[in-house]
Amino acid sequence: MVSEETFIITIFLVAILTFFFGAWLGRFLVRYPFGRGPVTGKESMVGRYAIVTAVKEDEYEVSLDSQIWSALPAENLRFNPGEKVKVIGIKGLKLIISMSE
């Protein structure tokens, strides 16, 4: 039989190893949920919605997170000030916009 002291030490070591393994695994689940990598910078704007604030010849100004960005339409679309548009891409420092769904 196993002595009481050995049993307690074994339980203690298993608890410590389980804690550290859970902490190691948990960091991936918190940082990258659902297998998606981190998205920061310009790439974080793709898929979000903006409001058209001004219309220039073939260029638009849109407001996204209280910031004004230059934008180009994805197709030969026309937008009016106040319209909600979807950001579908980025070209340099200009957002590529399309109709919102």
C-alpha atoms as a PDB file:
ATOM      1  CA  MET A   1       0.000   0.000   0.000  1.00  0.00           C
ATOM      2  CA  VAL A   2       0.939   3.633  -0.472  1.00  0.00           C
ATOM      3  CA  SER A   3       1.646   5.602   2.663  1.00  0.00           C
ATOM      4  CA  GLU A   4      -0.497   8.580   3.542  1.00  0.00           C
ATOM      5  CA  GLU A   5       2.462  10.937   3.176  1.00  0.00           C
ATOM      6  CA  THR A   6       3.248   9.707  -0.375  1.00  0.00           C
ATOM      7  CA  PHE A   7      -0.430  10.023  -1.324  1.00  0.00           C
ATOM      8  CA  ILE A   8      -0.617  13.646  -0.140  1.00  0.00           C
ATOM      9  CA  ILE A   9       2.621  14.571  -1.956  1.00  0.00           C
ATOM     10  CA  THR A  10       1.319  12.925  -5.153  1.00  0.00           C
ATOM     11  CA  ILE A  11      -1.990  14.827  -4.953  1.00  0.00           C
ATOM     12  CA  PHE A  12      -0.112  18.077  -4.299  1.00  0.00           C
ATOM     13  CA  LEU A  13       2.205  17.587  -7.303  1.00  0.00           C
ATOM     14  CA  VAL A  14      -0.687  16.663  -9.603  1.00  0.00           C
ATOM     15  CA  ALA A  15      -2.570  19.796  -8.507  1.00  0.00           C
ATOM     16  CA  ILE A  16       0.456  22.006  -9.197  1.00  0.00           C
ATOM     17  CA  LEU A  17       1.102  20.438 -12.619  1.00  0.00           C
ATOM     18  CA  THR A  18      -2.581  20.745 -13.531  1.00  0.00           C
ATOM     19  CA  PHE A  19      -2.572  24.428 -12.572  1.00  0.00           C
ATOM     20  CA  PHE A  20       0.488  25.239 -14.682  1.00  0.00           C
ATOM     21  CA  PHE A  21      -0.758  23.225 -17.669  1.00  0.00           C
ATOM     22  CA  GLY A  22      -4.143  24.995 -17.453  1.00  0.00           C
ATOM     23  CA  ALA A  23      -2.453  28.406 -17.269  1.00  0.00           C
ATOM     24  CA  TRP A  24      -0.281  27.559 -20.280  1.00  0.00           C
ATOM     25  CA  LEU A  25      -3.253  26.317 -22.329  1.00  0.00           C
ATOM     26  CA  GLY A  26      -5.545  29.133 -21.159  1.00  0.00           C
ATOM     27  CA  ARG A  27      -3.312  31.851 -22.572  1.00  0.00           C
ATOM     28  CA  PHE A  28      -3.949  30.565 -26.091  1.00  0.00           C
ATOM     29  CA  LEU A  29      -7.698  30.444 -25.542  1.00  0.00           C
ATOM     30  CA  VAL A  30      -7.755  34.005 -24.218  1.00  0.00           C
ATOM     31  CA  ARG A  31      -5.408  35.535 -26.799  1.00  0.00           C
ATOM     32  CA  TYR A  32      -6.546  33.679 -29.910  1.00  0.00           C
ATOM     33  CA  PRO A  33     -10.135  32.492 -29.474  1.00  0.00           C
ATOM     34  CA  PHE A  34     -11.570  30.230 -32.174  1.00  0.00           C
ATOM     35  CA  GLY A  35      -8.190  29.807 -33.875  1.00  0.00           C
ATOM     36  CA  ARG A  36      -8.014  33.408 -35.038  1.00  0.00           C
ATOM     37  CA  GLY A  37      -4.692  35.187 -34.744  1.00  0.00           C
ATOM     38  CA  PRO A  38      -4.314  38.684 -33.365  1.00  0.00           C
ATOM     39  CA  VAL A  39      -5.605  41.514 -35.537  1.00  0.00           C
ATOM     40  CA  THR A  40      -4.248  45.003 -34.962  1.00  0.00           C
ATOM     41  CA  GLY A  41      -3.571  48.154 -36.914  1.00  0.00           C
ATOM     42  CA  LYS A  42      -5.149  48.767 -40.288  1.00  0.00           C
ATOM     43  CA  GLU A  43      -6.220  45.140 -40.657  1.00  0.00           C
ATOM     44  CA  SER A  44      -8.578  45.470 -37.704  1.00  0.00           C
ATOM     45  CA  MET A  45     -10.786  47.865 -39.709  1.00  0.00           C
ATOM     46  CA  VAL A  46     -11.708  45.351 -42.428  1.00  0.00           C
ATOM     47  CA  GLY A  47     -15.261  44.136 -41.945  1.00  0.00           C
ATOM     48  CA  ARG A  48     -16.322  47.115 -39.844  1.00  0.00           C
ATOM     49  CA  TYR A  49     -18.820  49.825 -40.693  1.00  0.00           C
ATOM     50  CA  ALA A  50     -18.157  53.519 -41.271  1.00  0.00           C
ATOM     51  CA  ILE A  51     -20.247  56.611 -42.006  1.00  0.00           C
ATOM     52  CA  VAL A  52     -19.634  58.715 -45.119  1.00  0.00           C
ATOM     53  CA  THR A  53     -18.897  62.275 -43.981  1.00  0.00           C
ATOM     54  CA  ALA A  54     -17.889  63.994 -47.233  1.00  0.00           C
ATOM     55  CA  VAL A  55     -17.981  63.291 -50.941  1.00  0.00           C
ATOM     56  CA  LYS A  56     -15.205  64.505 -53.208  1.00  0.00           C
ATOM     57  CA  GLU A  57     -14.857  63.793 -56.953  1.00  0.00           C
ATOM     58  CA  ASP A  58     -14.085  60.069 -56.894  1.00  0.00           C
ATOM     59  CA  GLU A  59     -13.010  59.826 -53.272  1.00  0.00           C
ATOM     60  CA  TYR A  60     -14.900  59.807 -50.002  1.00  0.00           C
ATOM     61  CA  GLU A  61     -14.181  60.716 -46.416  1.00  0.00           C
ATOM     62  CA  VAL A  62     -15.552  58.299 -43.874  1.00  0.00           C
ATOM     63  CA  SER A  63     -15.690  58.324 -40.096  1.00  0.00           C
ATOM     64  CA  LEU A  64     -14.571  55.136 -38.363  1.00  0.00           C
ATOM     65  CA  ASP A  65     -14.094  55.141 -34.582  1.00  0.00           C
ATOM     66  CA  SER A  66     -14.292  58.949 -34.573  1.00  0.00           C
ATOM     67  CA  GLN A  67     -11.408  59.172 -37.038  1.00  0.00           C
ATOM     68  CA  ILE A  68     -11.681  60.547 -40.565  1.00  0.00           C
ATOM     69  CA  TRP A  69     -10.260  58.313 -43.322  1.00  0.00           C
ATOM     70  CA  SER A  70     -10.034  58.674 -47.093  1.00  0.00           C
ATOM     71  CA  ALA A  71     -11.937  55.956 -48.882  1.00  0.00           C
ATOM     72  CA  LEU A  72     -12.419  54.599 -52.356  1.00  0.00           C
ATOM     73  CA  PRO A  73     -15.489  52.683 -53.561  1.00  0.00           C
ATOM     74  CA  ALA A  74     -14.966  49.010 -54.411  1.00  0.00           C
ATOM     75  CA  GLU A  75     -17.074  49.206 -57.564  1.00  0.00           C
ATOM     76  CA  ASN A  76     -18.631  52.074 -59.463  1.00  0.00           C
ATOM     77  CA  LEU A  77     -20.873  52.900 -56.528  1.00  0.00           C
ATOM     78  CA  ARG A  78     -22.000  56.303 -55.340  1.00  0.00           C
ATOM     79  CA  PHE A  79     -22.531  57.168 -51.699  1.00  0.00           C
ATOM     80  CA  ASN A  80     -24.103  60.172 -50.033  1.00  0.00           C
ATOM     81  CA  PRO A  81     -23.025  61.831 -46.781  1.00  0.00           C
ATOM     82  CA  GLY A  82     -24.534  60.061 -43.795  1.00  0.00           C
ATOM     83  CA  GLU A  83     -24.671  56.641 -45.465  1.00  0.00           C
ATOM     84  CA  LYS A  84     -23.389  53.597 -43.623  1.00  0.00           C
ATOM     85  CA  VAL A  85     -20.753  51.674 -45.599  1.00  0.00           C
ATOM     86  CA  LYS A  86     -18.705  48.547 -44.965  1.00  0.00           C
ATOM     87  CA  VAL A  87     -14.902  48.520 -45.094  1.00  0.00           C
ATOM     88  CA  ILE A  88     -13.889  45.568 -47.280  1.00  0.00           C
ATOM     89  CA  GLY A  89     -10.192  46.298 -47.753  1.00  0.00           C
ATOM     90  CA  ILE A  90      -7.296  48.682 -47.450  1.00  0.00           C
ATOM     91  CA  LYS A  91      -5.083  50.120 -50.173  1.00  0.00           C
ATOM     92  CA  GLY A  92      -2.203  52.095 -48.707  1.00  0.00           C
ATOM     93  CA  LEU A  93      -3.874  54.475 -46.276  1.00  0.00           C
ATOM     94  CA  LYS A  94      -7.232  54.495 -48.043  1.00  0.00           C
ATOM     95  CA  LEU A  95     -10.129  52.296 -47.076  1.00  0.00           C
ATOM     96  CA  ILE A  96     -11.980  50.341 -49.755  1.00  0.00           C
ATOM     97  CA  ILE A  97     -15.714  50.628 -49.072  1.00  0.00           C
ATOM     98  CA  SER A  98     -18.820  48.900 -50.311  1.00  0.00           C
ATOM     99  CA  MET A  99     -22.551  48.949 -49.590  1.00  0.00           C
ATOM    100  CA  SER A 100     -23.439  47.953 -46.033  1.00  0.00           C
ATOM    101  CA  GLU A 101     -25.549  44.840 -45.724  1.00  0.00           C
END
